[in-house]
PDB file of N, CA and C in Angstrom:
ATOM      1  N   UNK A   1      63.375  67.653  21.889  1.00  0.00           N
ATOM      2  CA  UNK A   1      62.205  67.515  21.454  1.00  0.00           C
ATOM      3  C   UNK A   1      62.095  67.061  19.742  1.00  0.00           C
ATOM      4  N   UNK A   2      61.513  66.848  19.414  1.00  0.00           N
ATOM      5  CA  UNK A   2      61.640  66.104  17.636  1.00  0.00           C
ATOM      6  C   UNK A   2      60.563  66.561  17.220  1.00  0.00           C
ATOM      7  N   UNK A   3      60.430  66.823  16.264  1.00  0.00           N
ATOM      8  CA  UNK A   3      59.399  67.535  15.134  1.00  0.00           C
ATOM      9  C   UNK A   3      59.448  66.881  14.219  1.00  0.00           C
ATOM     10  N   UNK A   4      58.429  66.347  13.688  1.00  0.00           N
ATOM     11  CA  UNK A   4      58.481  65.440  12.226  1.00  0.00           C
ATOM     12  C   UNK A   4      57.753  66.665  11.482  1.00  0.00           C
ATOM     13  N   UNK A   5      58.583  67.337  10.314  1.00  0.00           N
ATOM     14  CA  UNK A   5      57.878  67.770   9.245  1.00  0.00           C
ATOM     15  C   UNK A   5      57.563  67.023   7.954  1.00  0.00           C
ATOM     16  N   UNK A   6      56.579  67.587   7.172  1.00  0.00           N
ATOM     17  CA  UNK A   6      56.163  66.968   5.876  1.00  0.00           C
ATOM     18  C   UNK A   6      55.073  65.665   6.334  1.00  0.00           C
ATOM     19  N   UNK A   7      54.575  65.787   7.278  1.00  0.00           N
ATOM     20  CA  UNK A   7      53.621  64.441   7.513  1.00  0.00           C
ATOM     21  C   UNK A   7      52.785  65.175   8.532  1.00  0.00           C
ATOM     22  N   UNK A   8      51.323  64.492   7.513  1.00  0.00           N
ATOM     23  CA  UNK A   8      50.139  65.190   8.195  1.00  0.00           C
ATOM     24  C   UNK A   8      49.382  63.760   8.424  1.00  0.00           C
ATOM     25  N   UNK A   9      48.337  64.125  10.055  1.00  0.00           N
ATOM     26  CA  UNK A   9      48.112  62.978  10.233  1.00  0.00           C
ATOM     27  C   UNK A   9      47.133  62.055   9.722  1.00  0.00           C
ATOM     28  N   UNK A  10      47.015  60.883   9.748  1.00  0.00           N
ATOM     29  CA  UNK A  10      46.105  59.890   8.976  1.00  0.00           C
ATOM     30  C   UNK A  10      44.445  59.963   9.464  1.00  0.00           C
ATOM     31  N   UNK A  11      43.830  60.082   8.599  1.00  0.00           N
ATOM     32  CA  UNK A  11      41.967  60.061   8.674  1.00  0.00           C
ATOM     33  C   UNK A  11      41.479  58.766   8.046  1.00  0.00           C
ATOM     34  N   UNK A  12      40.922  58.081   8.633  1.00  0.00           N
ATOM     35  CA  UNK A  12      40.413  56.744   8.136  1.00  0.00           C
ATOM     36  C   UNK A  12      39.848  56.738   6.916  1.00  0.00           C
ATOM     37  N   UNK A  13      39.751  56.113   5.664  1.00  0.00           N
ATOM     38  CA  UNK A  13      39.432  56.201   4.721  1.00  0.00           C
ATOM     39  C   UNK A  13      40.047  57.417   3.858  1.00  0.00           C
ATOM     40  N   UNK A  14      40.845  57.276   4.155  1.00  0.00           N
ATOM     41  CA  UNK A  14      41.749  59.022   3.390  1.00  0.00           C
ATOM     42  C   UNK A  14      42.923  58.455   2.951  1.00  0.00           C
ATOM     43  N   UNK A  15      43.344  58.993   1.596  1.00  0.00           N
ATOM     44  CA  UNK A  15      44.618  58.805   0.895  1.00  0.00           C
ATOM     45  C   UNK A  15      45.652  59.229   1.227  1.00  0.00           C
ATOM     46  N   UNK A  16      46.648  59.058   2.365  1.00  0.00           N
ATOM     47  CA  UNK A  16      47.227  60.047   2.592  1.00  0.00           C
ATOM     48  C   UNK A  16      48.748  60.920   1.767  1.00  0.00           C
ATOM     49  N   UNK A  17      48.737  59.707   0.795  1.00  0.00           N
ATOM     50  CA  UNK A  17      49.880  60.015   0.043  1.00  0.00           C
ATOM     51  C   UNK A  17      49.099  61.044  -1.016  1.00  0.00           C
ATOM     52  N   UNK A  18      47.941  61.137  -1.606  1.00  0.00           N
ATOM     53  CA  UNK A  18      47.372  62.371  -1.900  1.00  0.00           C
ATOM     54  C   UNK A  18      47.445  63.330  -1.330  1.00  0.00           C
ATOM     55  N   UNK A  19      47.214  63.840  -0.150  1.00  0.00           N
ATOM     56  CA  UNK A  19      46.996  65.206   0.570  1.00  0.00           C
ATOM     57  C   UNK A  19      48.209  65.462   1.344  1.00  0.00           C
ATOM     58  N   UNK A  20      49.170  64.704   1.129  1.00  0.00           N
ATOM     59  CA  UNK A  20      50.755  65.315   2.024  1.00  0.00           C
ATOM     60  C   UNK A  20      51.432  66.885   1.168  1.00  0.00           C
ATOM     61  N   UNK A  21      51.353  67.599   1.704  1.00  0.00           N
ATOM     62  CA  UNK A  21      52.728  68.859   1.172  1.00  0.00           C
ATOM     63  C   UNK A  21      53.331  68.920   2.097  1.00  0.00           C
ATOM     64  N   UNK A  22      54.430  69.530   1.499  1.00  0.00           N
ATOM     65  CA  UNK A  22      55.420  69.901   2.011  1.00  0.00           C
ATOM     66  C   UNK A  22      56.257  71.063   1.387  1.00  0.00           C
ATOM     67  N   UNK A  23      56.496  71.890   2.352  1.00  0.00           N
ATOM     68  CA  UNK A  23      56.814  73.375   2.102  1.00  0.00           C
ATOM     69  C   UNK A  23      58.192  73.344   2.492  1.00  0.00           C
ATOM     70  N   UNK A  24      59.133  74.272   1.012  1.00  0.00           N
ATOM     71  CA  UNK A  24      60.180  74.682   1.495  1.00  0.00           C
ATOM     72  C   UNK A  24      60.905  76.151   1.025  1.00  0.00           C
ATOM     73  N   UNK A  25      61.898  76.098   0.484  1.00  0.00           N
ATOM     74  CA  UNK A  25      62.339  77.130   0.048  1.00  0.00           C
ATOM     75  C   UNK A  25      63.157  76.537  -1.230  1.00  0.00           C
ATOM     76  N   UNK A  26      63.508  77.490  -2.179  1.00  0.00           N
ATOM     77  CA  UNK A  26      64.475  77.070  -3.438  1.00  0.00           C
ATOM     78  C   UNK A  26      65.071  78.682  -3.684  1.00  0.00           C
ATOM     79  N   UNK A  27      66.597  78.496  -4.522  1.00  0.00           N
ATOM     80  CA  UNK A  27      66.627  79.748  -5.205  1.00  0.00           C
ATOM     81  C   UNK A  27      66.408  79.152  -6.684  1.00  0.00           C
ATOM     82  N   UNK A  28      66.271  80.331  -7.160  1.00  0.00           N
ATOM     83  CA  UNK A  28      66.180  80.342  -8.869  1.00  0.00           C
ATOM     84  C   UNK A  28      66.801  81.310  -9.293  1.00  0.00           C
ATOM     85  N   UNK A  29      67.849  81.523 -10.124  1.00  0.00           N
ATOM     86  CA  UNK A  29      67.998  82.902 -10.839  1.00  0.00           C
ATOM     87  C   UNK A  29      68.795  83.535  -9.709  1.00  0.00           C
ATOM     88  N   UNK A  30      69.201  83.499  -8.335  1.00  0.00           N
ATOM     89  CA  UNK A  30      69.470  84.248  -6.981  1.00  0.00           C
ATOM     90  C   UNK A  30      68.490  84.535  -6.781  1.00  0.00           C
ATOM     91  N   UNK A  31      67.467  84.110  -6.446  1.00  0.00           N
ATOM     92  CA  UNK A  31      66.023  84.621  -5.622  1.00  0.00           C
ATOM     93  C   UNK A  31      65.514  83.521  -5.043  1.00  0.00           C
ATOM     94  N   UNK A  32      65.363  83.904  -3.660  1.00  0.00           N
ATOM     95  CA  UNK A  32      64.737  82.755  -2.909  1.00  0.00           C
ATOM     96  C   UNK A  32      63.161  82.552  -3.139  1.00  0.00           C
ATOM     97  N   UNK A  33      62.595  81.267  -3.696  1.00  0.00           N
ATOM     98  CA  UNK A  33      61.099  80.933  -3.857  1.00  0.00           C
ATOM     99  C   UNK A  33      60.520  79.949  -2.965  1.00  0.00           C
ATOM    100  N   UNK A  34      59.299  80.279  -2.526  1.00  0.00           N
ATOM    101  CA  UNK A  34      59.001  79.055  -2.073  1.00  0.00           C
ATOM    102  C   UNK A  34      58.502  78.244  -2.533  1.00  0.00           C
ATOM    103  N   UNK A  35      58.762  77.110  -2.430  1.00  0.00           N
ATOM    104  CA  UNK A  35      58.314  75.482  -2.782  1.00  0.00           C
ATOM    105  C   UNK A  35      57.420  74.346  -2.443  1.00  0.00           C
ATOM    106  N   UNK A  36      56.283  74.227  -3.071  1.00  0.00           N
ATOM    107  CA  UNK A  36      55.372  72.983  -2.261  1.00  0.00           C
ATOM    108  C   UNK A  36      55.464  71.535  -3.029  1.00  0.00           C
ATOM    109  N   UNK A  37      55.755  70.645  -2.637  1.00  0.00           N
ATOM    110  CA  UNK A  37      55.926  69.264  -3.395  1.00  0.00           C
ATOM    111  C   UNK A  37      54.665  68.587  -2.474  1.00  0.00           C
ATOM    112  N   UNK A  38      53.962  68.141  -3.054  1.00  0.00           N
ATOM    113  CA  UNK A  38      52.811  67.059  -3.058  1.00  0.00           C
ATOM    114  C   UNK A  38      52.602  65.864  -3.159  1.00  0.00           C
ATOM    115  N   UNK A  39      53.314  64.863  -2.443  1.00  0.00           N
ATOM    116  CA  UNK A  39      53.612  63.264  -2.059  1.00  0.00           C
ATOM    117  C   UNK A  39      53.145  62.791  -3.209  1.00  0.00           C
ATOM    118  N   UNK A  40      51.509  63.453  -3.790  1.00  0.00           N
ATOM    119  CA  UNK A  40      50.774  62.290  -4.303  1.00  0.00           C
ATOM    120  C   UNK A  40      51.129  62.770  -6.195  1.00  0.00           C
ATOM    121  N   UNK A  41      51.670  63.525  -6.437  1.00  0.00           N
ATOM    122  CA  UNK A  41      51.776  63.998  -7.528  1.00  0.00           C
ATOM    123  C   UNK A  41      53.317  63.568  -8.330  1.00  0.00           C
ATOM    124  N   UNK A  42      53.248  63.475  -9.662  1.00  0.00           N
ATOM    125  CA  UNK A  42      54.466  62.731 -10.249  1.00  0.00           C
ATOM    126  C   UNK A  42      54.501  64.136 -11.632  1.00  0.00           C
ATOM    127  N   UNK A  43      53.701  65.523 -11.389  1.00  0.00           N
ATOM    128  CA  UNK A  43      53.996  66.718 -12.193  1.00  0.00           C
ATOM    129  C   UNK A  43      54.844  66.996 -12.224  1.00  0.00           C
ATOM    130  N   UNK A  44      55.300  67.518 -13.149  1.00  0.00           N
ATOM    131  CA  UNK A  44      56.550  68.963 -13.002  1.00  0.00           C
ATOM    132  C   UNK A  44      55.907  70.562 -13.168  1.00  0.00           C
ATOM    133  N   UNK A  45      55.337  71.258 -11.980  1.00  0.00           N
ATOM    134  CA  UNK A  45      54.350  72.315 -12.289  1.00  0.00           C
ATOM    135  C   UNK A  45      55.007  73.609 -11.894  1.00  0.00           C
ATOM    136  N   UNK A  46      54.438  74.295 -12.707  1.00  0.00           N
ATOM    137  CA  UNK A  46      55.661  75.435 -11.855  1.00  0.00           C
ATOM    138  C   UNK A  46      54.273  76.833 -12.725  1.00  0.00           C
ATOM    139  N   UNK A  47      53.755  77.407 -11.541  1.00  0.00           N
ATOM    140  CA  UNK A  47      52.957  78.837 -11.686  1.00  0.00           C
ATOM    141  C   UNK A  47      53.914  79.450 -12.824  1.00  0.00           C
ATOM    142  N   UNK A  48      52.404  79.886 -13.759  1.00  0.00           N
ATOM    143  CA  UNK A  48      52.840  81.005 -15.072  1.00  0.00           C
ATOM    144  C   UNK A  48      52.989  82.192 -14.387  1.00  0.00           C
ATOM    145  N   UNK A  49      52.337  82.663 -13.177  1.00  0.00           N
ATOM    146  CA  UNK A  49      53.090  83.813 -12.199  1.00  0.00           C
ATOM    147  C   UNK A  49      54.976  83.924 -12.087  1.00  0.00           C
ATOM    148  N   UNK A  50      55.297  82.427 -11.780  1.00  0.00           N
ATOM    149  CA  UNK A  50      56.600  82.493 -11.427  1.00  0.00           C
ATOM    150  C   UNK A  50      57.251  82.588 -12.737  1.00  0.00           C
ATOM    151  N   UNK A  51      56.681  81.991 -13.794  1.00  0.00           N
ATOM    152  CA  UNK A  51      57.744  82.063 -14.959  1.00  0.00           C
ATOM    153  C   UNK A  51      58.087  83.735 -15.288  1.00  0.00           C
ATOM    154  N   UNK A  52      56.656  84.427 -15.447  1.00  0.00           N
ATOM    155  CA  UNK A  52      56.826  86.035 -15.597  1.00  0.00           C
ATOM    156  C   UNK A  52      57.680  86.464 -14.566  1.00  0.00           C
ATOM    157  N   UNK A  53      57.454  85.982 -13.243  1.00  0.00           N
ATOM    158  CA  UNK A  53      58.070  86.941 -12.289  1.00  0.00           C
ATOM    159  C   UNK A  53      59.796  86.818 -12.626  1.00  0.00           C
ATOM    160  N   UNK A  54      60.093  85.590 -12.591  1.00  0.00           N
ATOM    161  CA  UNK A  54      61.713  85.026 -12.698  1.00  0.00           C
ATOM    162  C   UNK A  54      62.306  85.502 -14.214  1.00  0.00           C
ATOM    163  N   UNK A  55      61.412  85.666 -15.123  1.00  0.00           N
ATOM    164  CA  UNK A  55      61.877  86.163 -16.212  1.00  0.00           C
ATOM    165  C   UNK A  55      62.360  84.540 -17.261  1.00  0.00           C
ATOM    166  N   UNK A  56      61.909  83.482 -16.741  1.00  0.00           N
ATOM    167  CA  UNK A  56      62.074  82.146 -17.239  1.00  0.00           C
ATOM    168  C   UNK A  56      62.206  81.562 -18.770  1.00  0.00           C
ATOM    169  N   UNK A  57      62.276  81.056 -19.320  1.00  0.00           N
ATOM    170  CA  UNK A  57      62.079  80.679 -20.716  1.00  0.00           C
ATOM    171  C   UNK A  57      60.985  79.211 -20.386  1.00  0.00           C
ATOM    172  N   UNK A  58      59.947  79.163 -21.049  1.00  0.00           N
ATOM    173  CA  UNK A  58      59.019  78.152 -21.369  1.00  0.00           C
ATOM    174  C   UNK A  58      59.595  77.487 -22.401  1.00  0.00           C
ATOM    175  N   UNK A  59      59.225  76.351 -21.999  1.00  0.00           N
ATOM    176  CA  UNK A  59      59.754  75.261 -23.720  1.00  0.00           C
ATOM    177  C   UNK A  59      59.265  73.896 -23.043  1.00  0.00           C
ATOM    178  N   UNK A  60      58.581  73.120 -24.147  1.00  0.00           N
ATOM    179  CA  UNK A  60      58.727  71.684 -23.974  1.00  0.00           C
ATOM    180  C   UNK A  60      59.747  70.915 -23.977  1.00  0.00           C
ATOM    181  N   UNK A  61      59.788  70.087 -22.881  1.00  0.00           N
ATOM    182  CA  UNK A  61      60.944  69.064 -22.969  1.00  0.00           C
ATOM    183  C   UNK A  61      60.819  68.075 -24.192  1.00  0.00           C
ATOM    184  N   UNK A  62      61.898  68.237 -25.299  1.00  0.00           N
ATOM    185  CA  UNK A  62      61.600  66.984 -26.706  1.00  0.00           C
ATOM    186  C   UNK A  62      61.181  65.535 -25.907  1.00  0.00           C
ATOM    187  N   UNK A  63      61.746  65.050 -24.973  1.00  0.00           N
ATOM    188  CA  UNK A  63      60.871  63.328 -24.370  1.00  0.00           C
ATOM    189  C   UNK A  63      60.961  63.749 -23.097  1.00  0.00           C
ATOM    190  N   UNK A  64      59.973  64.379 -22.751  1.00  0.00           N
ATOM    191  CA  UNK A  64      59.516  63.924 -21.646  1.00  0.00           C
ATOM    192  C   UNK A  64      59.585  62.587 -20.590  1.00  0.00           C
ATOM    193  N   UNK A  65      59.569  62.409 -19.560  1.00  0.00           N
ATOM    194  CA  UNK A  65      59.560  61.682 -18.903  1.00  0.00           C
ATOM    195  C   UNK A  65      58.357  61.551 -17.476  1.00  0.00           C
ATOM    196  N   UNK A  66      58.122  60.760 -16.802  1.00  0.00           N
ATOM    197  CA  UNK A  66      57.228  60.711 -15.602  1.00  0.00           C
ATOM    198  C   UNK A  66      58.039  60.748 -14.349  1.00  0.00           C
ATOM    199  N   UNK A  67      57.969  61.803 -13.460  1.00  0.00           N
ATOM    200  CA  UNK A  67      58.692  61.744 -12.180  1.00  0.00           C
ATOM    201  C   UNK A  67      57.630  60.788 -11.124  1.00  0.00           C
ATOM    202  N   UNK A  68      58.607  60.039 -10.196  1.00  0.00           N
ATOM    203  CA  UNK A  68      58.145  59.416  -9.390  1.00  0.00           C
ATOM    204  C   UNK A  68      59.061  59.127  -7.830  1.00  0.00           C
ATOM    205  N   UNK A  69      58.696  59.343  -6.761  1.00  0.00           N
ATOM    206  CA  UNK A  69      59.064  59.185  -5.750  1.00  0.00           C
ATOM    207  C   UNK A  69      59.534  57.775  -5.389  1.00  0.00           C
ATOM    208  N   UNK A  70      60.805  58.075  -4.638  1.00  0.00           N
ATOM    209  CA  UNK A  70      61.405  56.388  -4.505  1.00  0.00           C
ATOM    210  C   UNK A  70      61.070  56.020  -3.114  1.00  0.00           C
TER     211      UNK A  70
END
């Protein structure tokens, strides 16, 4: 049996690249966290609550760049 992950059914007139979400898990500072990737997004975003709970340092990137899917 095959199962496709991270794919949502297409609806006519809809822009599927803006609606597909892929859920996964990652490890940050030794803690397992839930991760959601929005395929239509090119922004690097984390919730303020996650930064606080994980005791992460919030800093601006000196030379920000745009992310993109290949």
